[in-house]
Amino acid sequence: MSSSGDFDARSASVIRKTSETSVRIELRLDRAETYKNETGIGFLDHMLDLFAKHGGFGLQAFCDGDLHVDEHHTVEDVAISLGDAFRDALGDKTFIRRFGHAYVPMDDALARATVDLSGRFYLHYQADFDRDRVGDLSVEMVEHFWHAFAEHARCNLHIEALYGKNAHHKIEAIFKAVSRALRDAVRRDPSFARMPSTKGSL
């Protein structure tokens, strides 16, 4: 932080390579407007675009995965890498708000997300769907995505699709709600406590 109270922009790059996937993530948390996501799963790319746009994050996510098997490894490794990128970009977490929450409607659907950038992992996920897939993504992988993300970002994340009939709308509301909650949680202000924890670290 400069003497004027301005903060340096936060960013992270993550490369993850396994026998199943090759992932590259470029993340910017501040003053970011651009995004480009190419994971090989069209619906996941759409959700990541929405996540970046409504969170105000700069995000590029690229994955070459074993989609001839199924989408599991791609979804999991993209989420792991995105969680790692958030943790790396946050650095020592000084002056962050730490907590964030959001309600987001999408036509018939309403989702709620609450996050604590506590350094501890916990996921609560509650969402029911009437079909198994939306586009090229299994709906069961939505929970798995957020589990892997929260575990690697080391945050508490509570997600609920409160109601809705359309599965696409419910998943879209979830991604937007999480991004808005994270947007609040990562925000910094010199008037905040330098470290928002009685422990002295997060």
N, C-alpha and C. Protein backbone atom coordinates (compact mmCIF):
# COMPACT_ATOMS: atom_id res chain seq x y z
N MET A 1 0.85 -1.20 0.00
CA MET A 1 0.00 0.00 0.00
C MET A 1 0.88 1.23 0.00
N SER A 2 0.55 2.21 -0.84
CA SER A 2 1.31 3.44 -0.91
C SER A 2 0.93 4.35 0.25
N SER A 3 1.71 5.42 0.41
CA SER A 3 1.45 6.37 1.49
C SER A 3 0.11 7.07 1.33
N SER A 4 -0.43 7.08 0.10
CA SER A 4 -1.71 7.75 -0.14
C SER A 4 -2.89 6.86 0.21
N GLY A 5 -2.62 5.62 0.59
CA GLY A 5 -3.70 4.71 0.93
C GLY A 5 -4.15 3.83 -0.22
N ASP A 6 -3.55 4.02 -1.40
CA ASP A 6 -3.88 3.16 -2.53
C ASP A 6 -3.22 1.80 -2.36
N PHE A 7 -3.89 0.77 -2.85
CA PHE A 7 -3.37 -0.57 -2.74
C PHE A 7 -2.82 -1.05 -4.08
N ASP A 8 -1.81 -1.88 -4.02
CA ASP A 8 -1.30 -2.51 -5.22
C ASP A 8 -2.30 -3.56 -5.69
N ALA A 9 -2.40 -3.71 -7.01
CA ALA A 9 -3.29 -4.71 -7.57
C ALA A 9 -2.80 -6.11 -7.24
N ARG A 10 -3.72 -7.02 -7.00
CA ARG A 10 -3.39 -8.39 -6.63
C ARG A 10 -3.67 -9.34 -7.79
N SER A 11 -2.74 -10.25 -8.02
CA SER A 11 -2.90 -11.20 -9.12
C SER A 11 -2.15 -12.48 -8.80
N ALA A 12 -2.46 -13.50 -9.56
CA ALA A 12 -1.78 -14.79 -9.39
C ALA A 12 -1.87 -15.57 -10.69
N SER A 13 -0.84 -16.38 -10.93
CA SER A 13 -0.82 -17.31 -12.05
C SER A 13 -0.59 -18.70 -11.49
N VAL A 14 -1.37 -19.65 -11.96
CA VAL A 14 -1.26 -21.03 -11.49
C VAL A 14 -1.21 -21.96 -12.69
N ILE A 15 -0.26 -22.86 -12.70
CA ILE A 15 -0.17 -23.92 -13.70
C ILE A 15 -0.23 -25.25 -12.97
N ARG A 16 -1.13 -26.12 -13.41
CA ARG A 16 -1.28 -27.43 -12.80
C ARG A 16 -1.30 -28.47 -13.92
N LYS A 17 -0.36 -29.42 -13.85
CA LYS A 17 -0.29 -30.47 -14.86
C LYS A 17 -0.29 -31.83 -14.19
N THR A 18 -1.18 -32.68 -14.65
CA THR A 18 -1.24 -34.07 -14.20
C THR A 18 -1.36 -34.95 -15.43
N SER A 19 -1.45 -36.24 -15.22
CA SER A 19 -1.65 -37.15 -16.34
C SER A 19 -3.05 -37.03 -16.92
N GLU A 20 -3.93 -36.30 -16.22
CA GLU A 20 -5.32 -36.17 -16.65
C GLU A 20 -5.66 -34.81 -17.25
N THR A 21 -4.98 -33.77 -16.79
CA THR A 21 -5.29 -32.42 -17.27
C THR A 21 -4.04 -31.55 -17.29
N SER A 22 -4.12 -30.49 -18.07
CA SER A 22 -3.15 -29.40 -18.04
C SER A 22 -3.94 -28.11 -17.92
N VAL A 23 -3.75 -27.40 -16.80
CA VAL A 23 -4.56 -26.23 -16.48
C VAL A 23 -3.66 -25.01 -16.31
N ARG A 24 -4.13 -23.88 -16.82
CA ARG A 24 -3.46 -22.60 -16.56
C ARG A 24 -4.52 -21.58 -16.16
N ILE A 25 -4.28 -20.90 -15.04
CA ILE A 25 -5.18 -19.87 -14.54
C ILE A 25 -4.41 -18.56 -14.40
N GLU A 26 -4.99 -17.49 -14.90
CA GLU A 26 -4.49 -16.13 -14.67
C GLU A 26 -5.62 -15.37 -13.99
N LEU A 27 -5.36 -14.85 -12.79
CA LEU A 27 -6.40 -14.20 -12.01
C LEU A 27 -5.94 -12.82 -11.56
N ARG A 28 -6.83 -11.84 -11.70
CA ARG A 28 -6.61 -10.50 -11.17
C ARG A 28 -7.82 -10.13 -10.33
N LEU A 29 -7.58 -9.70 -9.11
CA LEU A 29 -8.68 -9.39 -8.19
C LEU A 29 -9.14 -7.95 -8.27
N ASP A 30 -8.30 -7.07 -8.76
CA ASP A 30 -8.58 -5.63 -8.67
C ASP A 30 -8.58 -4.97 -10.04
N ARG A 31 -9.52 -4.06 -10.20
CA ARG A 31 -9.58 -3.23 -11.41
C ARG A 31 -9.45 -4.09 -12.67
N ALA A 32 -10.21 -5.14 -12.71
CA ALA A 32 -10.11 -6.11 -13.80
C ALA A 32 -11.42 -6.15 -14.58
N GLU A 33 -11.31 -6.19 -15.89
CA GLU A 33 -12.50 -6.19 -16.73
C GLU A 33 -12.53 -7.32 -17.74
N THR A 34 -11.41 -7.97 -17.98
CA THR A 34 -11.35 -8.94 -19.08
C THR A 34 -11.40 -10.37 -18.57
N TYR A 35 -11.95 -11.23 -19.39
CA TYR A 35 -11.97 -12.64 -19.05
C TYR A 35 -12.01 -13.46 -20.34
N LYS A 36 -11.42 -14.64 -20.27
CA LYS A 36 -11.43 -15.58 -21.40
C LYS A 36 -11.23 -16.96 -20.81
N ASN A 37 -12.22 -17.82 -20.98
CA ASN A 37 -12.18 -19.13 -20.35
C ASN A 37 -12.46 -20.22 -21.37
N GLU A 38 -11.51 -21.15 -21.48
CA GLU A 38 -11.60 -22.23 -22.46
C GLU A 38 -11.18 -23.52 -21.78
N THR A 39 -12.17 -24.22 -21.24
CA THR A 39 -11.88 -25.46 -20.50
C THR A 39 -12.23 -26.71 -21.29
N GLY A 40 -12.87 -26.54 -22.45
CA GLY A 40 -13.36 -27.67 -23.20
C GLY A 40 -14.77 -28.07 -22.82
N ILE A 41 -15.33 -27.43 -21.78
CA ILE A 41 -16.70 -27.67 -21.33
C ILE A 41 -17.45 -26.36 -21.49
N GLY A 42 -18.30 -26.29 -22.49
CA GLY A 42 -18.95 -25.03 -22.84
C GLY A 42 -19.73 -24.41 -21.70
N PHE A 43 -20.50 -25.21 -20.98
CA PHE A 43 -21.30 -24.65 -19.89
C PHE A 43 -20.43 -24.14 -18.76
N LEU A 44 -19.33 -24.85 -18.46
CA LEU A 44 -18.41 -24.38 -17.43
C LEU A 44 -17.76 -23.06 -17.86
N ASP A 45 -17.40 -22.94 -19.13
CA ASP A 45 -16.83 -21.68 -19.62
C ASP A 45 -17.83 -20.54 -19.40
N HIS A 46 -19.08 -20.79 -19.70
CA HIS A 46 -20.13 -19.78 -19.51
C HIS A 46 -20.23 -19.37 -18.05
N MET A 47 -20.18 -20.34 -17.13
CA MET A 47 -20.27 -20.03 -15.71
C MET A 47 -19.03 -19.26 -15.24
N LEU A 48 -17.87 -19.60 -15.74
CA LEU A 48 -16.64 -18.89 -15.35
C LEU A 48 -16.65 -17.46 -15.89
N ASP A 49 -17.21 -17.27 -17.10
CA ASP A 49 -17.36 -15.91 -17.63
C ASP A 49 -18.26 -15.08 -16.72
N LEU A 50 -19.39 -15.66 -16.30
CA LEU A 50 -20.30 -14.96 -15.40
C LEU A 50 -19.63 -14.67 -14.06
N PHE A 51 -18.90 -15.65 -13.55
CA PHE A 51 -18.19 -15.50 -12.28
C PHE A 51 -17.23 -14.31 -12.35
N ALA A 52 -16.46 -14.23 -13.43
CA ALA A 52 -15.49 -13.13 -13.58
C ALA A 52 -16.20 -11.79 -13.73
N LYS A 53 -17.22 -11.76 -14.58
CA LYS A 53 -17.91 -10.50 -14.87
C LYS A 53 -18.56 -9.92 -13.62
N HIS A 54 -19.29 -10.75 -12.88
CA HIS A 54 -20.04 -10.23 -11.74
C HIS A 54 -19.20 -10.09 -10.49
N GLY A 55 -18.02 -10.72 -10.46
CA GLY A 55 -17.10 -10.51 -9.37
C GLY A 55 -16.14 -9.36 -9.61
N GLY A 56 -16.08 -8.88 -10.86
CA GLY A 56 -15.11 -7.85 -11.21
C GLY A 56 -13.70 -8.38 -11.25
N PHE A 57 -13.56 -9.68 -11.58
CA PHE A 57 -12.24 -10.31 -11.61
C PHE A 57 -11.74 -10.44 -13.04
N GLY A 58 -10.45 -10.28 -13.22
CA GLY A 58 -9.83 -10.65 -14.48
C GLY A 58 -9.51 -12.13 -14.41
N LEU A 59 -10.00 -12.91 -15.36
CA LEU A 59 -9.83 -14.35 -15.28
C LEU A 59 -9.59 -14.95 -16.66
N GLN A 60 -8.55 -15.74 -16.75
CA GLN A 60 -8.32 -16.59 -17.90
C GLN A 60 -8.09 -18.00 -17.38
N ALA A 61 -8.93 -18.92 -17.82
CA ALA A 61 -8.82 -20.31 -17.40
C ALA A 61 -8.76 -21.19 -18.64
N PHE A 62 -7.67 -21.91 -18.76
CA PHE A 62 -7.49 -22.80 -19.91
C PHE A 62 -7.22 -24.20 -19.40
N CYS A 63 -7.85 -25.19 -20.02
CA CYS A 63 -7.64 -26.58 -19.62
C CYS A 63 -7.67 -27.48 -20.83
N ASP A 64 -6.70 -28.38 -20.90
CA ASP A 64 -6.68 -29.47 -21.86
C ASP A 64 -6.83 -30.74 -21.03
N GLY A 65 -8.03 -31.29 -20.99
CA GLY A 65 -8.30 -32.42 -20.11
C GLY A 65 -8.78 -33.65 -20.85
N ASP A 66 -8.90 -34.73 -20.11
CA ASP A 66 -9.29 -36.03 -20.68
C ASP A 66 -10.81 -36.13 -20.78
N LEU A 67 -11.39 -35.26 -21.60
CA LEU A 67 -12.84 -35.23 -21.74
C LEU A 67 -13.38 -36.47 -22.46
N HIS A 68 -12.50 -37.26 -23.06
CA HIS A 68 -12.95 -38.53 -23.64
C HIS A 68 -13.35 -39.51 -22.53
N VAL A 69 -12.88 -39.27 -21.30
CA VAL A 69 -13.31 -40.07 -20.15
C VAL A 69 -14.64 -39.52 -19.64
N ASP A 70 -14.60 -38.32 -19.08
CA ASP A 70 -15.77 -37.51 -18.74
C ASP A 70 -15.25 -36.16 -18.27
N GLU A 71 -16.13 -35.32 -17.73
CA GLU A 71 -15.72 -33.96 -17.37
C GLU A 71 -15.16 -33.83 -15.96
N HIS A 72 -15.14 -34.92 -15.20
CA HIS A 72 -14.79 -34.85 -13.78
C HIS A 72 -13.41 -34.24 -13.54
N HIS A 73 -12.39 -34.77 -14.19
CA HIS A 73 -11.03 -34.30 -13.93
C HIS A 73 -10.84 -32.85 -14.34
N THR A 74 -11.45 -32.46 -15.45
CA THR A 74 -11.35 -31.07 -15.90
C THR A 74 -12.00 -30.12 -14.91
N VAL A 75 -13.23 -30.42 -14.50
CA VAL A 75 -13.93 -29.56 -13.54
C VAL A 75 -13.15 -29.47 -12.24
N GLU A 76 -12.72 -30.60 -11.72
CA GLU A 76 -12.00 -30.61 -10.45
C GLU A 76 -10.70 -29.83 -10.51
N ASP A 77 -9.91 -30.05 -11.56
CA ASP A 77 -8.59 -29.41 -11.62
C ASP A 77 -8.68 -27.92 -11.93
N VAL A 78 -9.69 -27.51 -12.68
CA VAL A 78 -9.91 -26.07 -12.88
C VAL A 78 -10.28 -25.42 -11.55
N ALA A 79 -11.16 -26.07 -10.78
CA ALA A 79 -11.57 -25.53 -9.48
C ALA A 79 -10.41 -25.49 -8.50
N ILE A 80 -9.61 -26.55 -8.47
CA ILE A 80 -8.42 -26.55 -7.61
C ILE A 80 -7.50 -25.39 -7.96
N SER A 81 -7.25 -25.22 -9.24
CA SER A 81 -6.33 -24.17 -9.68
C SER A 81 -6.89 -22.78 -9.41
N LEU A 82 -8.20 -22.61 -9.58
CA LEU A 82 -8.82 -21.31 -9.28
C LEU A 82 -8.75 -21.02 -7.79
N GLY A 83 -9.00 -22.02 -6.96
CA GLY A 83 -8.86 -21.82 -5.52
C GLY A 83 -7.44 -21.46 -5.12
N ASP A 84 -6.46 -22.16 -5.70
CA ASP A 84 -5.05 -21.84 -5.45
C ASP A 84 -4.75 -20.40 -5.86
N ALA A 85 -5.29 -19.99 -7.00
CA ALA A 85 -5.03 -18.63 -7.49
C ALA A 85 -5.61 -17.59 -6.54
N PHE A 86 -6.82 -17.81 -6.04
CA PHE A 86 -7.39 -16.87 -5.08
C PHE A 86 -6.53 -16.79 -3.82
N ARG A 87 -6.11 -17.93 -3.31
CA ARG A 87 -5.30 -17.93 -2.09
C ARG A 87 -3.98 -17.19 -2.33
N ASP A 88 -3.34 -17.44 -3.47
CA ASP A 88 -2.07 -16.78 -3.78
C ASP A 88 -2.26 -15.28 -3.97
N ALA A 89 -3.32 -14.89 -4.69
CA ALA A 89 -3.54 -13.47 -4.96
C ALA A 89 -3.85 -12.68 -3.70
N LEU A 90 -4.49 -13.30 -2.74
CA LEU A 90 -4.85 -12.62 -1.49
C LEU A 90 -3.64 -12.31 -0.62
N GLY A 91 -2.57 -13.05 -0.81
CA GLY A 91 -1.36 -12.77 -0.05
C GLY A 91 -1.59 -12.85 1.45
N ASP A 92 -1.17 -11.83 2.18
CA ASP A 92 -1.30 -11.86 3.65
C ASP A 92 -2.67 -11.39 4.13
N LYS A 93 -3.55 -11.02 3.20
CA LYS A 93 -4.95 -10.67 3.49
C LYS A 93 -5.12 -9.40 4.33
N THR A 94 -4.12 -8.55 4.37
CA THR A 94 -4.25 -7.33 5.16
C THR A 94 -5.31 -6.41 4.56
N PHE A 95 -6.09 -5.81 5.45
CA PHE A 95 -7.11 -4.81 5.15
C PHE A 95 -8.30 -5.35 4.36
N ILE A 96 -8.42 -6.68 4.22
CA ILE A 96 -9.58 -7.19 3.49
C ILE A 96 -10.83 -7.16 4.38
N ARG A 97 -11.97 -7.15 3.73
CA ARG A 97 -13.24 -7.22 4.45
C ARG A 97 -13.40 -8.59 5.11
N ARG A 98 -12.91 -9.62 4.49
CA ARG A 98 -12.90 -11.02 4.95
C ARG A 98 -14.22 -11.73 4.71
N PHE A 99 -15.33 -11.12 5.08
CA PHE A 99 -16.64 -11.75 4.94
C PHE A 99 -17.38 -11.15 3.74
N GLY A 100 -18.20 -11.97 3.10
CA GLY A 100 -19.04 -11.47 2.02
C GLY A 100 -20.26 -12.34 1.87
N HIS A 101 -21.35 -11.75 1.39
CA HIS A 101 -22.55 -12.54 1.12
C HIS A 101 -23.33 -11.89 0.00
N ALA A 102 -24.14 -12.69 -0.66
CA ALA A 102 -24.94 -12.16 -1.76
C ALA A 102 -26.15 -13.06 -2.00
N TYR A 103 -27.25 -12.43 -2.34
CA TYR A 103 -28.43 -13.09 -2.89
C TYR A 103 -28.49 -12.69 -4.36
N VAL A 104 -28.65 -13.67 -5.24
CA VAL A 104 -28.75 -13.36 -6.66
C VAL A 104 -29.94 -14.10 -7.26
N PRO A 105 -30.87 -13.37 -7.87
CA PRO A 105 -31.97 -14.02 -8.59
C PRO A 105 -31.59 -14.24 -10.05
N MET A 106 -32.13 -15.28 -10.63
CA MET A 106 -32.04 -15.51 -12.07
C MET A 106 -33.40 -16.03 -12.52
N ASP A 107 -34.25 -15.10 -12.92
CA ASP A 107 -35.62 -15.43 -13.31
C ASP A 107 -36.33 -16.20 -12.18
N ASP A 108 -36.62 -17.47 -12.37
CA ASP A 108 -37.36 -18.24 -11.37
C ASP A 108 -36.51 -18.68 -10.19
N ALA A 109 -35.19 -18.55 -10.29
CA ALA A 109 -34.28 -19.10 -9.29
C ALA A 109 -33.70 -18.00 -8.39
N LEU A 110 -33.39 -18.39 -7.15
CA LEU A 110 -32.72 -17.50 -6.22
C LEU A 110 -31.64 -18.28 -5.48
N ALA A 111 -30.43 -17.73 -5.47
CA ALA A 111 -29.31 -18.38 -4.78
C ALA A 111 -28.72 -17.44 -3.75
N ARG A 112 -28.18 -18.04 -2.68
CA ARG A 112 -27.52 -17.29 -1.62
C ARG A 112 -26.12 -17.89 -1.43
N ALA A 113 -25.13 -17.02 -1.30
CA ALA A 113 -23.76 -17.45 -1.01
C ALA A 113 -23.18 -16.59 0.09
N THR A 114 -22.47 -17.22 1.00
CA THR A 114 -21.80 -16.53 2.10
C THR A 114 -20.39 -17.09 2.21
N VAL A 115 -19.41 -16.19 2.34
CA VAL A 115 -18.02 -16.64 2.37
C VAL A 115 -17.27 -15.97 3.51
N ASP A 116 -16.34 -16.71 4.09
CA ASP A 116 -15.40 -16.20 5.09
C ASP A 116 -14.01 -16.64 4.65
N LEU A 117 -13.15 -15.67 4.36
CA LEU A 117 -11.78 -15.97 3.93
C LEU A 117 -10.92 -16.21 5.16
N SER A 118 -11.27 -17.26 5.88
CA SER A 118 -10.74 -17.51 7.21
C SER A 118 -9.42 -18.26 7.23
N GLY A 119 -9.04 -18.84 6.08
CA GLY A 119 -7.89 -19.73 6.08
C GLY A 119 -8.26 -21.15 6.44
N ARG A 120 -9.54 -21.39 6.71
CA ARG A 120 -10.03 -22.73 7.05
C ARG A 120 -11.06 -23.15 6.01
N PHE A 121 -11.04 -24.43 5.66
CA PHE A 121 -11.96 -24.94 4.66
C PHE A 121 -13.22 -25.50 5.28
N TYR A 122 -14.36 -25.07 4.71
CA TYR A 122 -15.63 -25.73 5.00
C TYR A 122 -16.58 -25.37 3.87
N LEU A 123 -17.32 -26.37 3.39
CA LEU A 123 -18.35 -26.12 2.38
C LEU A 123 -19.68 -26.64 2.86
N HIS A 124 -20.69 -25.79 2.80
CA HIS A 124 -22.09 -26.20 2.92
C HIS A 124 -22.73 -25.95 1.57
N TYR A 125 -23.33 -26.97 1.00
CA TYR A 125 -23.91 -26.84 -0.33
C TYR A 125 -25.28 -27.48 -0.33
N GLN A 126 -26.27 -26.73 -0.74
CA GLN A 126 -27.63 -27.25 -0.78
C GLN A 126 -28.29 -26.80 -2.08
N ALA A 127 -28.49 -27.76 -2.97
CA ALA A 127 -29.14 -27.46 -4.24
C ALA A 127 -29.69 -28.76 -4.81
N ASP A 128 -30.91 -28.71 -5.28
CA ASP A 128 -31.57 -29.87 -5.87
C ASP A 128 -31.89 -29.58 -7.33
N PHE A 129 -31.73 -30.60 -8.17
CA PHE A 129 -31.96 -30.44 -9.60
C PHE A 129 -32.87 -31.56 -10.10
N ASP A 130 -33.68 -31.23 -11.10
CA ASP A 130 -34.61 -32.20 -11.67
C ASP A 130 -34.05 -32.91 -12.89
N ARG A 131 -32.84 -32.54 -13.30
CA ARG A 131 -32.21 -33.25 -14.42
C ARG A 131 -30.73 -33.44 -14.11
N ASP A 132 -30.10 -34.36 -14.84
CA ASP A 132 -28.73 -34.76 -14.54
C ASP A 132 -27.67 -33.89 -15.18
N ARG A 133 -28.02 -33.23 -16.28
CA ARG A 133 -27.02 -32.45 -17.02
C ARG A 133 -27.62 -31.12 -17.45
N VAL A 134 -26.74 -30.13 -17.56
CA VAL A 134 -27.07 -28.89 -18.25
C VAL A 134 -25.99 -28.71 -19.31
N GLY A 135 -26.38 -28.77 -20.56
CA GLY A 135 -25.39 -28.75 -21.62
C GLY A 135 -24.44 -29.93 -21.47
N ASP A 136 -23.15 -29.63 -21.44
CA ASP A 136 -22.14 -30.68 -21.34
C ASP A 136 -21.58 -30.84 -19.92
N LEU A 137 -22.33 -30.40 -18.92
CA LEU A 137 -21.88 -30.48 -17.53
C LEU A 137 -22.89 -31.26 -16.69
N SER A 138 -22.40 -32.25 -15.95
CA SER A 138 -23.24 -32.97 -14.99
C SER A 138 -23.54 -32.04 -13.82
N VAL A 139 -24.79 -31.98 -13.37
CA VAL A 139 -25.13 -31.06 -12.29
C VAL A 139 -24.42 -31.46 -10.99
N GLU A 140 -24.08 -32.76 -10.82
CA GLU A 140 -23.36 -33.16 -9.61
C GLU A 140 -21.98 -32.53 -9.53
N MET A 141 -21.44 -32.10 -10.67
CA MET A 141 -20.11 -31.50 -10.68
C MET A 141 -20.11 -30.06 -10.18
N VAL A 142 -21.28 -29.45 -10.06
CA VAL A 142 -21.33 -28.09 -9.52
C VAL A 142 -20.90 -28.10 -8.06
N GLU A 143 -21.45 -29.00 -7.28
CA GLU A 143 -21.01 -29.12 -5.89
C GLU A 143 -19.53 -29.48 -5.81
N HIS A 144 -19.09 -30.38 -6.67
CA HIS A 144 -17.69 -30.80 -6.63
C HIS A 144 -16.76 -29.63 -6.97
N PHE A 145 -17.19 -28.79 -7.92
CA PHE A 145 -16.40 -27.61 -8.27
C PHE A 145 -16.18 -26.73 -7.05
N TRP A 146 -17.27 -26.42 -6.34
CA TRP A 146 -17.15 -25.50 -5.22
C TRP A 146 -16.45 -26.13 -4.02
N HIS A 147 -16.57 -27.44 -3.88
CA HIS A 147 -15.82 -28.13 -2.83
C HIS A 147 -14.32 -27.99 -3.07
N ALA A 148 -13.88 -28.27 -4.30
CA ALA A 148 -12.46 -28.17 -4.62
C ALA A 148 -11.97 -26.74 -4.53
N PHE A 149 -12.79 -25.79 -4.99
CA PHE A 149 -12.41 -24.37 -4.90
C PHE A 149 -12.22 -23.95 -3.45
N ALA A 150 -13.22 -24.21 -2.60
CA ALA A 150 -13.15 -23.76 -1.21
C ALA A 150 -12.01 -24.43 -0.46
N GLU A 151 -11.78 -25.70 -0.74
CA GLU A 151 -10.69 -26.40 -0.07
C GLU A 151 -9.34 -25.76 -0.39
N HIS A 152 -9.15 -25.37 -1.64
CA HIS A 152 -7.85 -24.82 -2.04
C HIS A 152 -7.74 -23.32 -1.80
N ALA A 153 -8.85 -22.61 -1.82
CA ALA A 153 -8.83 -21.20 -1.43
C ALA A 153 -8.74 -21.06 0.09
N ARG A 154 -9.03 -22.15 0.80
CA ARG A 154 -9.04 -22.20 2.27
C ARG A 154 -10.02 -21.18 2.83
N CYS A 155 -11.26 -21.38 2.43
CA CYS A 155 -12.32 -20.50 2.91
C CYS A 155 -13.51 -21.31 3.36
N ASN A 156 -14.35 -20.68 4.18
CA ASN A 156 -15.68 -21.19 4.48
C ASN A 156 -16.61 -20.70 3.38
N LEU A 157 -17.37 -21.61 2.80
CA LEU A 157 -18.26 -21.22 1.71
C LEU A 157 -19.60 -21.93 1.91
N HIS A 158 -20.67 -21.14 2.00
CA HIS A 158 -22.02 -21.67 2.18
C HIS A 158 -22.85 -21.26 0.97
N ILE A 159 -23.38 -22.26 0.29
CA ILE A 159 -24.11 -22.04 -0.96
C ILE A 159 -25.48 -22.71 -0.86
N GLU A 160 -26.51 -21.97 -1.22
CA GLU A 160 -27.85 -22.55 -1.25
C GLU A 160 -28.61 -22.04 -2.47
N ALA A 161 -29.13 -22.98 -3.25
CA ALA A 161 -30.12 -22.63 -4.26
C ALA A 161 -31.47 -22.67 -3.55
N LEU A 162 -32.00 -21.52 -3.21
CA LEU A 162 -33.16 -21.45 -2.33
C LEU A 162 -34.42 -21.97 -2.99
N TYR A 163 -34.56 -21.67 -4.27
CA TYR A 163 -35.67 -22.23 -5.03
C TYR A 163 -35.42 -21.97 -6.50
N GLY A 164 -36.25 -22.57 -7.33
CA GLY A 164 -36.15 -22.42 -8.77
C GLY A 164 -36.56 -23.69 -9.48
N LYS A 165 -36.99 -23.55 -10.72
CA LYS A 165 -37.42 -24.69 -11.52
C LYS A 165 -36.40 -25.06 -12.59
N ASN A 166 -35.74 -24.07 -13.15
CA ASN A 166 -34.83 -24.29 -14.27
C ASN A 166 -33.41 -24.53 -13.76
N ALA A 167 -32.83 -25.67 -14.11
CA ALA A 167 -31.50 -26.03 -13.60
C ALA A 167 -30.42 -25.06 -14.06
N HIS A 168 -30.50 -24.63 -15.32
CA HIS A 168 -29.54 -23.64 -15.82
C HIS A 168 -29.60 -22.38 -14.97
N HIS A 169 -30.79 -21.90 -14.71
CA HIS A 169 -30.95 -20.67 -13.93
C HIS A 169 -30.41 -20.84 -12.52
N LYS A 170 -30.64 -21.98 -11.90
CA LYS A 170 -30.17 -22.20 -10.53
C LYS A 170 -28.64 -22.22 -10.47
N ILE A 171 -28.02 -22.90 -11.41
CA ILE A 171 -26.56 -22.96 -11.42
C ILE A 171 -25.97 -21.59 -11.71
N GLU A 172 -26.57 -20.87 -12.65
CA GLU A 172 -26.09 -19.52 -12.97
C GLU A 172 -26.22 -18.61 -11.75
N ALA A 173 -27.33 -18.69 -11.04
CA ALA A 173 -27.50 -17.87 -9.84
C ALA A 173 -26.45 -18.22 -8.79
N ILE A 174 -26.11 -19.50 -8.68
CA ILE A 174 -25.08 -19.92 -7.72
C ILE A 174 -23.73 -19.29 -8.06
N PHE A 175 -23.30 -19.40 -9.31
CA PHE A 175 -22.00 -18.85 -9.69
C PHE A 175 -21.96 -17.33 -9.51
N LYS A 176 -23.04 -16.65 -9.86
CA LYS A 176 -23.08 -15.20 -9.68
C LYS A 176 -23.07 -14.83 -8.20
N ALA A 177 -23.80 -15.57 -7.38
CA ALA A 177 -23.85 -15.26 -5.95
C ALA A 177 -22.49 -15.46 -5.30
N VAL A 178 -21.81 -16.54 -5.64
CA VAL A 178 -20.47 -16.76 -5.06
C VAL A 178 -19.52 -15.66 -5.50
N SER A 179 -19.58 -15.27 -6.76
CA SER A 179 -18.67 -14.22 -7.24
C SER A 179 -18.95 -12.89 -6.54
N ARG A 180 -20.21 -12.56 -6.31
CA ARG A 180 -20.53 -11.31 -5.62
C ARG A 180 -20.11 -11.36 -4.15
N ALA A 181 -20.28 -12.52 -3.53
CA ALA A 181 -19.83 -12.66 -2.14
C ALA A 181 -18.32 -12.52 -2.04
N LEU A 182 -17.60 -13.14 -2.96
CA LEU A 182 -16.14 -13.02 -2.97
C LEU A 182 -15.70 -11.59 -3.28
N ARG A 183 -16.42 -10.92 -4.15
CA ARG A 183 -16.09 -9.53 -4.47
C ARG A 183 -16.10 -8.67 -3.20
N ASP A 184 -17.10 -8.88 -2.34
CA ASP A 184 -17.16 -8.16 -1.07
C ASP A 184 -16.03 -8.58 -0.13
N ALA A 185 -15.80 -9.89 -0.05
CA ALA A 185 -14.84 -10.41 0.92
C ALA A 185 -13.41 -9.99 0.63
N VAL A 186 -13.04 -9.87 -0.65
CA VAL A 186 -11.66 -9.53 -0.99
C VAL A 186 -11.42 -8.02 -0.97
N ARG A 187 -12.49 -7.23 -0.86
CA ARG A 187 -12.33 -5.78 -0.92
C ARG A 187 -11.47 -5.27 0.23
N ARG A 188 -10.60 -4.32 -0.07
CA ARG A 188 -9.70 -3.74 0.93
C ARG A 188 -10.03 -2.27 1.14
N ASP A 189 -9.79 -1.83 2.39
CA ASP A 189 -10.00 -0.43 2.75
C ASP A 189 -9.06 -0.12 3.90
N PRO A 190 -8.30 0.99 3.82
CA PRO A 190 -7.37 1.30 4.91
C PRO A 190 -8.06 1.58 6.23
N SER A 191 -9.40 1.80 6.20
CA SER A 191 -10.12 2.02 7.45
C SER A 191 -10.46 0.70 8.14
N PHE A 192 -10.32 -0.43 7.44
CA PHE A 192 -10.55 -1.73 8.07
C PHE A 192 -9.39 -2.04 9.00
N ALA A 193 -9.60 -2.98 9.92
CA ALA A 193 -8.49 -3.49 10.71
C ALA A 193 -7.46 -4.11 9.77
N ARG A 194 -6.19 -3.88 10.08
CA ARG A 194 -5.16 -4.43 9.21
C ARG A 194 -5.29 -5.93 9.06
N MET A 195 -5.57 -6.62 10.15
CA MET A 195 -5.79 -8.06 10.09
C MET A 195 -7.13 -8.35 10.76
N PRO A 196 -8.14 -8.76 9.98
CA PRO A 196 -9.48 -8.95 10.56
C PRO A 196 -9.62 -10.27 11.30
N SER A 197 -8.82 -10.43 12.33
CA SER A 197 -8.87 -11.64 13.16
C SER A 197 -8.19 -11.36 14.49
N THR A 198 -8.77 -11.83 15.57
CA THR A 198 -8.12 -11.68 16.89
C THR A 198 -6.88 -12.55 17.00
N LYS A 199 -6.73 -13.52 16.08
CA LYS A 199 -5.54 -14.38 16.09
C LYS A 199 -4.31 -13.66 15.56
N GLY A 200 -4.55 -12.61 14.79
CA GLY A 200 -3.44 -11.87 14.20
C GLY A 200 -3.03 -12.36 12.84
N SER A 201 -3.69 -13.41 12.33
CA SER A 201 -3.41 -13.92 10.99
C SER A 201 -4.60 -14.70 10.49
N LEU A 202 -4.67 -14.86 9.16
CA LEU A 202 -5.72 -15.65 8.52
C LEU A 202 -5.08 -16.69 7.62
